[in-house]
Amino acid sequence: MSTSVQRLEETGSALRQALASRDWAAIGELDLQCRQAVDDVMVESVADEALLRARMQELLDLYRELVNLCQVEQRRLAQEMVQLNQSKQSAKVYQFLS
């Protein structure tokens, strides 16, 4: 296995672990590393193209999962913001009436 394909596999695995624990800081850093690994593997001549395709497919599936989780988190945070704003408005009305 070439060094860049191995690096692609390792960063993908680390990204999957960070995603499982929802470590957003690590995800941001690992995303940059994955992008660099993909760039590196695309310019390198790889002997085992089937292995490269498999690793790239795994990474693509992982990014789909990551995007879905980000969308879920975005909706959750948006709902929290709505509830926070409603509570804030209610508190203002209560203070006004008191």
Protein backbone atom coordinates (compact mmCIF):
# COMPACT_ATOMS: atom_id res chain seq x y z
CA MET A 1 0.00 0.00 0.00
CA SER A 2 1.38 3.41 -0.91
CA THR A 3 2.13 5.96 1.77
CA SER A 4 -0.53 8.39 0.57
CA VAL A 5 -3.23 5.67 0.43
CA GLN A 6 -2.25 4.60 3.94
CA ARG A 7 -2.43 8.23 5.11
CA LEU A 8 -5.85 8.53 3.49
CA GLU A 9 -7.01 5.44 5.37
CA GLU A 10 -5.58 6.67 8.69
CA THR A 11 -7.07 10.16 8.46
CA GLY A 12 -10.41 8.70 7.40
CA SER A 13 -10.36 6.38 10.40
CA ALA A 14 -9.49 9.23 12.76
CA LEU A 15 -12.26 11.34 11.21
CA ARG A 16 -14.75 8.51 11.79
CA GLN A 17 -13.72 8.32 15.46
CA ALA A 18 -14.05 12.10 15.87
CA LEU A 19 -17.46 11.96 14.21
CA ALA A 20 -18.59 9.19 16.56
CA SER A 21 -17.64 11.31 19.57
CA ARG A 22 -18.86 14.53 17.92
CA ASP A 23 -15.52 16.19 18.51
CA TRP A 24 -16.10 19.17 16.23
CA ALA A 25 -12.64 20.68 16.74
CA ALA A 26 -10.97 17.40 15.76
CA ILE A 27 -13.36 17.04 12.81
CA GLY A 28 -12.32 20.44 11.49
CA GLU A 29 -8.62 19.58 11.71
CA LEU A 30 -9.08 16.09 10.29
CA ASP A 31 -11.13 17.46 7.42
CA LEU A 32 -8.13 19.55 6.38
CA GLN A 33 -5.86 16.52 6.70
CA CYS A 34 -8.25 14.38 4.62
CA ARG A 35 -8.36 17.01 1.90
CA GLN A 36 -4.56 17.12 1.81
CA ALA A 37 -4.37 13.31 1.74
CA VAL A 38 -6.80 13.22 -1.20
CA ASP A 39 -4.74 15.86 -3.04
CA ASP A 40 -1.56 13.87 -2.40
CA VAL A 41 -3.00 10.55 -3.53
CA MET A 42 -4.38 12.11 -6.73
CA VAL A 43 -0.93 13.22 -7.90
CA GLU A 44 0.82 10.00 -6.87
CA SER A 45 0.97 6.97 -9.12
CA VAL A 46 -0.80 4.22 -7.18
CA ALA A 47 -0.15 0.60 -8.07
CA ASP A 48 -3.34 -0.78 -6.53
CA GLU A 49 -6.10 1.32 -8.06
CA ALA A 50 -8.84 -0.97 -6.71
CA LEU A 51 -7.63 -0.31 -3.16
CA LEU A 52 -7.52 3.42 -3.86
CA ARG A 53 -11.07 3.34 -5.21
CA ALA A 54 -12.23 1.45 -2.12
CA ARG A 55 -10.58 3.97 0.23
CA MET A 56 -12.01 6.91 -1.71
CA GLN A 57 -15.49 5.35 -1.60
CA GLU A 58 -15.18 4.84 2.16
CA LEU A 59 -14.17 8.47 2.54
CA LEU A 60 -17.07 9.60 0.36
CA ASP A 61 -19.50 7.57 2.48
CA LEU A 62 -17.98 9.04 5.63
CA TYR A 63 -18.42 12.58 4.32
CA ARG A 64 -22.06 11.85 3.48
CA GLU A 65 -22.53 10.71 7.07
CA LEU A 66 -20.73 13.84 8.30
CA VAL A 67 -22.92 16.14 6.21
CA ASN A 68 -26.07 14.42 7.48
CA LEU A 69 -24.94 14.77 11.09
CA CYS A 70 -24.08 18.43 10.53
CA GLN A 71 -27.56 19.04 9.15
CA VAL A 72 -29.13 17.35 12.18
CA GLU A 73 -26.97 19.45 14.51
CA GLN A 74 -27.85 22.60 12.61
CA ARG A 75 -31.58 21.92 12.98
CA ARG A 76 -31.13 21.11 16.68
CA LEU A 77 -29.22 24.33 17.30
CA ALA A 78 -31.74 26.36 15.33
CA GLN A 79 -34.53 24.94 17.49
CA GLU A 80 -32.57 25.79 20.64
CA MET A 81 -32.13 29.36 19.39
CA VAL A 82 -35.86 29.67 18.73
CA GLN A 83 -36.63 28.41 22.23
CA LEU A 84 -34.05 30.75 23.74
CA ASN A 85 -35.52 33.74 21.91
CA GLN A 86 -39.04 32.76 22.98
CA SER A 87 -37.91 32.51 26.60
CA LYS A 88 -36.20 35.87 26.33
CA GLN A 89 -39.37 37.45 24.94
CA SER A 90 -41.46 35.87 27.68
CA ALA A 91 -39.10 37.21 30.33
CA LYS A 92 -39.37 40.71 28.87
CA VAL A 93 -43.16 40.55 28.89
CA TYR A 94 -43.16 39.27 32.47
CA GLN A 95 -40.85 42.12 33.55
CA PHE A 96 -43.03 44.63 31.73
CA LEU A 97 -46.17 43.35 33.48
CA SER A 98 -44.55 43.23 36.93
